[in-house]
Protein backbone atom coordinates (compact mmCIF):
# COMPACT_ATOMS: atom_id res chain seq x y z
CA UNK A 1 0.00 0.00 0.00
CA UNK A 2 1.51 3.40 -0.97
CA UNK A 3 2.36 5.97 1.71
CA UNK A 4 0.04 9.00 1.68
CA UNK A 5 1.16 12.62 1.81
CA UNK A 6 -0.23 12.90 5.34
CA UNK A 7 1.75 9.86 6.45
CA UNK A 8 4.93 11.29 4.89
CA UNK A 9 4.34 14.58 6.69
CA UNK A 10 3.86 12.82 10.02
CA UNK A 11 6.98 10.72 9.47
CA UNK A 12 9.02 13.86 8.69
CA UNK A 13 7.66 15.65 11.76
CA UNK A 14 8.43 12.73 14.06
CA UNK A 15 11.90 12.34 12.55
CA UNK A 16 12.58 16.04 13.07
CA UNK A 17 11.46 15.90 16.69
CA UNK A 18 13.57 12.85 17.43
CA UNK A 19 16.58 14.49 15.80
CA UNK A 20 16.16 17.63 17.91
CA UNK A 21 15.87 15.57 21.06
CA UNK A 22 18.98 13.56 20.26
CA UNK A 23 20.98 16.66 19.39
CA UNK A 24 19.95 18.44 22.57
CA UNK A 25 20.72 15.54 24.93
CA UNK A 26 24.33 16.64 25.48
CA UNK A 27 23.17 20.18 26.25
CA UNK A 28 20.70 18.84 28.79
CA UNK A 29 23.59 17.26 30.66
CA UNK A 30 24.82 20.75 31.59
CA UNK A 31 28.11 22.34 30.81
CA UNK A 32 30.96 23.71 32.83
CA UNK A 33 30.67 27.50 32.98
CA UNK A 34 34.32 28.02 33.93
CA UNK A 35 35.52 25.83 31.07
CA UNK A 36 33.12 27.62 28.74
CA UNK A 37 34.56 30.98 29.71
CA UNK A 38 38.10 29.78 29.04
CA UNK A 39 37.00 28.47 25.63
CA UNK A 40 35.23 31.71 24.67
CA UNK A 41 38.28 33.78 23.65
CA UNK A 42 37.69 33.38 19.91
CA UNK A 43 33.95 34.04 20.36
CA UNK A 44 34.73 37.33 22.12
CA UNK A 45 36.19 38.82 18.96
CA UNK A 46 32.65 39.26 17.61
CA UNK A 47 30.31 38.52 20.52
CA UNK A 48 32.27 40.42 23.17
CA UNK A 49 34.00 39.17 26.31
CA UNK A 50 30.77 39.52 28.30
CA UNK A 51 28.44 38.31 25.54
CA UNK A 52 27.64 41.84 24.34
CA UNK A 53 28.40 41.99 20.63
CA UNK A 54 31.06 44.41 19.49
CA UNK A 55 29.09 45.24 16.33
CA UNK A 56 25.35 45.23 15.67
CA UNK A 57 25.71 42.62 12.90
CA UNK A 58 26.57 40.02 15.56
CA UNK A 59 24.05 38.77 18.13
CA UNK A 60 24.45 39.28 21.86
CA UNK A 61 24.95 35.89 23.54
CA UNK A 62 24.67 36.91 27.20
CA UNK A 63 21.69 35.22 28.83
CA UNK A 64 20.66 33.24 25.75
CA UNK A 65 19.11 29.83 26.35
CA UNK A 66 21.86 27.18 26.60
CA UNK A 67 19.92 24.61 24.56
CA UNK A 68 19.32 27.16 21.79
CA UNK A 69 23.01 28.08 21.72
CA UNK A 70 24.07 24.43 21.59
CA UNK A 71 21.60 23.61 18.79
CA UNK A 72 22.79 26.67 16.86
CA UNK A 73 26.46 25.77 17.21
CA UNK A 74 25.79 22.19 16.12
CA UNK A 75 23.85 23.48 13.10
CA UNK A 76 26.69 25.82 12.13
CA UNK A 77 29.23 23.05 12.58
CA UNK A 78 27.21 20.77 10.28
CA UNK A 79 26.74 23.53 7.69
CA UNK A 80 22.97 23.55 8.23
CA UNK A 81 22.76 27.32 8.66
CA UNK A 82 23.33 29.83 5.91
CA UNK A 83 23.12 33.55 5.35
CA UNK A 84 24.55 36.42 7.33
CA UNK A 85 27.77 35.41 9.03
CA UNK A 86 27.15 31.65 8.70
CA UNK A 87 30.46 31.11 6.90
CA UNK A 88 32.35 32.69 9.78
CA UNK A 89 30.40 30.64 12.33
CA UNK A 90 30.96 27.43 10.37
CA UNK A 91 34.70 28.05 10.43
CA UNK A 92 34.69 28.92 14.14
CA UNK A 93 32.55 25.95 15.16
CA UNK A 94 34.23 23.34 12.94
CA UNK A 95 36.85 22.45 15.55
CA UNK A 96 34.54 22.48 18.57
CA UNK A 97 33.86 19.19 20.32
CA UNK A 98 30.42 18.39 21.72
CA UNK A 99 31.79 19.20 25.19
CA UNK A 100 33.16 22.54 23.97
CA UNK A 101 29.71 23.42 22.64
CA UNK A 102 28.02 22.42 25.89
CA UNK A 103 30.51 24.43 27.97
CA UNK A 104 30.30 27.53 25.76
CA UNK A 105 26.50 27.36 25.81
CA UNK A 106 26.47 27.08 29.60
CA UNK A 107 28.86 30.02 29.94
CA UNK A 108 26.89 32.41 27.74
CA UNK A 109 23.59 31.30 29.30
CA UNK A 110 24.99 32.08 32.75
CA UNK A 111 25.71 35.71 31.86
CA UNK A 112 23.25 38.46 32.72
CA UNK A 113 21.07 39.19 29.68
CA UNK A 114 21.50 42.62 28.17
CA UNK A 115 18.67 45.10 28.37
C-alpha atoms as a PDB file:
ATOM      1  CA  UNK A   1       0.000   0.000   0.000  1.00  0.00           C
ATOM      2  CA  UNK A   2       1.508   3.401  -0.966  1.00  0.00           C
ATOM      3  CA  UNK A   3       2.356   5.975   1.711  1.00  0.00           C
ATOM      4  CA  UNK A   4       0.040   8.997   1.675  1.00  0.00           C
ATOM      5  CA  UNK A   5       1.161  12.615   1.814  1.00  0.00           C
ATOM      6  CA  UNK A   6      -0.227  12.903   5.343  1.00  0.00           C
ATOM      7  CA  UNK A   7       1.755   9.859   6.446  1.00  0.00           C
ATOM      8  CA  UNK A   8       4.926  11.294   4.887  1.00  0.00           C
ATOM      9  CA  UNK A   9       4.342  14.579   6.689  1.00  0.00           C
ATOM     10  CA  UNK A  10       3.859  12.822  10.023  1.00  0.00           C
ATOM     11  CA  UNK A  11       6.978  10.720   9.466  1.00  0.00           C
ATOM     12  CA  UNK A  12       9.019  13.860   8.693  1.00  0.00           C
ATOM     13  CA  UNK A  13       7.662  15.653  11.762  1.00  0.00           C
ATOM     14  CA  UNK A  14       8.433  12.731  14.063  1.00  0.00           C
ATOM     15  CA  UNK A  15      11.896  12.335  12.553  1.00  0.00           C
ATOM     16  CA  UNK A  16      12.577  16.044  13.068  1.00  0.00           C
ATOM     17  CA  UNK A  17      11.458  15.900  16.695  1.00  0.00           C
ATOM     18  CA  UNK A  18      13.566  12.845  17.433  1.00  0.00           C
ATOM     19  CA  UNK A  19      16.583  14.494  15.800  1.00  0.00           C
ATOM     20  CA  UNK A  20      16.162  17.632  17.908  1.00  0.00           C
ATOM     21  CA  UNK A  21      15.868  15.574  21.065  1.00  0.00           C
ATOM     22  CA  UNK A  22      18.977  13.562  20.258  1.00  0.00           C
ATOM     23  CA  UNK A  23      20.985  16.656  19.385  1.00  0.00           C
ATOM     24  CA  UNK A  24      19.947  18.439  22.568  1.00  0.00           C
ATOM     25  CA  UNK A  25      20.715  15.540  24.930  1.00  0.00           C
ATOM     26  CA  UNK A  26      24.330  16.638  25.480  1.00  0.00           C
ATOM     27  CA  UNK A  27      23.170  20.177  26.255  1.00  0.00           C
ATOM     28  CA  UNK A  28      20.697  18.842  28.785  1.00  0.00           C
ATOM     29  CA  UNK A  29      23.595  17.265  30.663  1.00  0.00           C
ATOM     30  CA  UNK A  30      24.821  20.749  31.587  1.00  0.00           C
ATOM     31  CA  UNK A  31      28.111  22.337  30.805  1.00  0.00           C
ATOM     32  CA  UNK A  32      30.958  23.707  32.833  1.00  0.00           C
ATOM     33  CA  UNK A  33      30.666  27.501  32.983  1.00  0.00           C
ATOM     34  CA  UNK A  34      34.323  28.025  33.928  1.00  0.00           C
ATOM     35  CA  UNK A  35      35.517  25.831  31.071  1.00  0.00           C
ATOM     36  CA  UNK A  36      33.125  27.625  28.736  1.00  0.00           C
ATOM     37  CA  UNK A  37      34.560  30.982  29.713  1.00  0.00           C
ATOM     38  CA  UNK A  38      38.096  29.778  29.040  1.00  0.00           C
ATOM     39  CA  UNK A  39      37.004  28.470  25.627  1.00  0.00           C
ATOM     40  CA  UNK A  40      35.230  31.711  24.673  1.00  0.00           C
ATOM     41  CA  UNK A  41      38.280  33.781  23.647  1.00  0.00           C
ATOM     42  CA  UNK A  42      37.693  33.376  19.913  1.00  0.00           C
ATOM     43  CA  UNK A  43      33.954  34.039  20.362  1.00  0.00           C
ATOM     44  CA  UNK A  44      34.725  37.330  22.120  1.00  0.00           C
ATOM     45  CA  UNK A  45      36.194  38.823  18.962  1.00  0.00           C
ATOM     46  CA  UNK A  46      32.649  39.261  17.614  1.00  0.00           C
ATOM     47  CA  UNK A  47      30.305  38.522  20.516  1.00  0.00           C
ATOM     48  CA  UNK A  48      32.269  40.423  23.171  1.00  0.00           C
ATOM     49  CA  UNK A  49      34.000  39.167  26.313  1.00  0.00           C
ATOM     50  CA  UNK A  50      30.768  39.522  28.302  1.00  0.00           C
ATOM     51  CA  UNK A  51      28.436  38.309  25.538  1.00  0.00           C
ATOM     52  CA  UNK A  52      27.640  41.838  24.337  1.00  0.00           C
ATOM     53  CA  UNK A  53      28.404  41.985  20.630  1.00  0.00           C
ATOM     54  CA  UNK A  54      31.065  44.407  19.492  1.00  0.00           C
ATOM     55  CA  UNK A  55      29.086  45.239  16.335  1.00  0.00           C
ATOM     56  CA  UNK A  56      25.351  45.230  15.672  1.00  0.00           C
ATOM     57  CA  UNK A  57      25.712  42.624  12.904  1.00  0.00           C
ATOM     58  CA  UNK A  58      26.566  40.020  15.559  1.00  0.00           C
ATOM     59  CA  UNK A  59      24.047  38.767  18.128  1.00  0.00           C
ATOM     60  CA  UNK A  60      24.451  39.278  21.858  1.00  0.00           C
ATOM     61  CA  UNK A  61      24.950  35.893  23.539  1.00  0.00           C
ATOM     62  CA  UNK A  62      24.674  36.907  27.200  1.00  0.00           C
ATOM     63  CA  UNK A  63      21.690  35.215  28.828  1.00  0.00           C
ATOM     64  CA  UNK A  64      20.659  33.239  25.751  1.00  0.00           C
ATOM     65  CA  UNK A  65      19.108  29.826  26.355  1.00  0.00           C
ATOM     66  CA  UNK A  66      21.856  27.185  26.602  1.00  0.00           C
ATOM     67  CA  UNK A  67      19.920  24.611  24.562  1.00  0.00           C
ATOM     68  CA  UNK A  68      19.320  27.159  21.795  1.00  0.00           C
ATOM     69  CA  UNK A  69      23.005  28.084  21.716  1.00  0.00           C
ATOM     70  CA  UNK A  70      24.066  24.430  21.586  1.00  0.00           C
ATOM     71  CA  UNK A  71      21.604  23.609  18.792  1.00  0.00           C
ATOM     72  CA  UNK A  72      22.786  26.670  16.864  1.00  0.00           C
ATOM     73  CA  UNK A  73      26.462  25.775  17.207  1.00  0.00           C
ATOM     74  CA  UNK A  74      25.787  22.193  16.121  1.00  0.00           C
ATOM     75  CA  UNK A  75      23.849  23.485  13.100  1.00  0.00           C
ATOM     76  CA  UNK A  76      26.688  25.825  12.126  1.00  0.00           C
ATOM     77  CA  UNK A  77      29.227  23.045  12.583  1.00  0.00           C
ATOM     78  CA  UNK A  78      27.214  20.765  10.280  1.00  0.00           C
ATOM     79  CA  UNK A  79      26.737  23.525   7.686  1.00  0.00           C
ATOM     80  CA  UNK A  80      22.968  23.546   8.227  1.00  0.00           C
ATOM     81  CA  UNK A  81      22.755  27.323   8.657  1.00  0.00           C
ATOM     82  CA  UNK A  82      23.326  29.832   5.909  1.00  0.00           C
ATOM     83  CA  UNK A  83      23.116  33.550   5.347  1.00  0.00           C
ATOM     84  CA  UNK A  84      24.549  36.421   7.331  1.00  0.00           C
ATOM     85  CA  UNK A  85      27.774  35.413   9.032  1.00  0.00           C
ATOM     86  CA  UNK A  86      27.153  31.652   8.702  1.00  0.00           C
ATOM     87  CA  UNK A  87      30.456  31.114   6.904  1.00  0.00           C
ATOM     88  CA  UNK A  88      32.354  32.693   9.784  1.00  0.00           C
ATOM     89  CA  UNK A  89      30.405  30.644  12.333  1.00  0.00           C
ATOM     90  CA  UNK A  90      30.962  27.434  10.372  1.00  0.00           C
ATOM     91  CA  UNK A  91      34.704  28.050  10.426  1.00  0.00           C
ATOM     92  CA  UNK A  92      34.686  28.924  14.143  1.00  0.00           C
ATOM     93  CA  UNK A  93      32.554  25.946  15.159  1.00  0.00           C
ATOM     94  CA  UNK A  94      34.232  23.340  12.944  1.00  0.00           C
ATOM     95  CA  UNK A  95      36.854  22.451  15.546  1.00  0.00           C
ATOM     96  CA  UNK A  96      34.542  22.485  18.575  1.00  0.00           C
ATOM     97  CA  UNK A  97      33.864  19.195  20.321  1.00  0.00           C
ATOM     98  CA  UNK A  98      30.417  18.392  21.719  1.00  0.00           C
ATOM     99  CA  UNK A  99      31.787  19.204  25.189  1.00  0.00           C
ATOM    100  CA  UNK A 100      33.157  22.544  23.972  1.00  0.00           C
ATOM    101  CA  UNK A 101      29.705  23.423  22.636  1.00  0.00           C
ATOM    102  CA  UNK A 102      28.017  22.419  25.894  1.00  0.00           C
ATOM    103  CA  UNK A 103      30.506  24.431  27.971  1.00  0.00           C
ATOM    104  CA  UNK A 104      30.298  27.529  25.758  1.00  0.00           C
ATOM    105  CA  UNK A 105      26.505  27.364  25.812  1.00  0.00           C
ATOM    106  CA  UNK A 106      26.475  27.078  29.603  1.00  0.00           C
ATOM    107  CA  UNK A 107      28.861  30.018  29.938  1.00  0.00           C
ATOM    108  CA  UNK A 108      26.892  32.407  27.745  1.00  0.00           C
ATOM    109  CA  UNK A 109      23.587  31.300  29.295  1.00  0.00           C
ATOM    110  CA  UNK A 110      24.989  32.076  32.752  1.00  0.00           C
ATOM    111  CA  UNK A 111      25.711  35.714  31.863  1.00  0.00           C
ATOM    112  CA  UNK A 112      23.245  38.460  32.721  1.00  0.00           C
ATOM    113  CA  UNK A 113      21.068  39.193  29.677  1.00  0.00           C
ATOM    114  CA  UNK A 114      21.503  42.616  28.171  1.00  0.00           C
ATOM    115  CA  UNK A 115      18.670  45.103  28.374  1.00  0.00           C
END
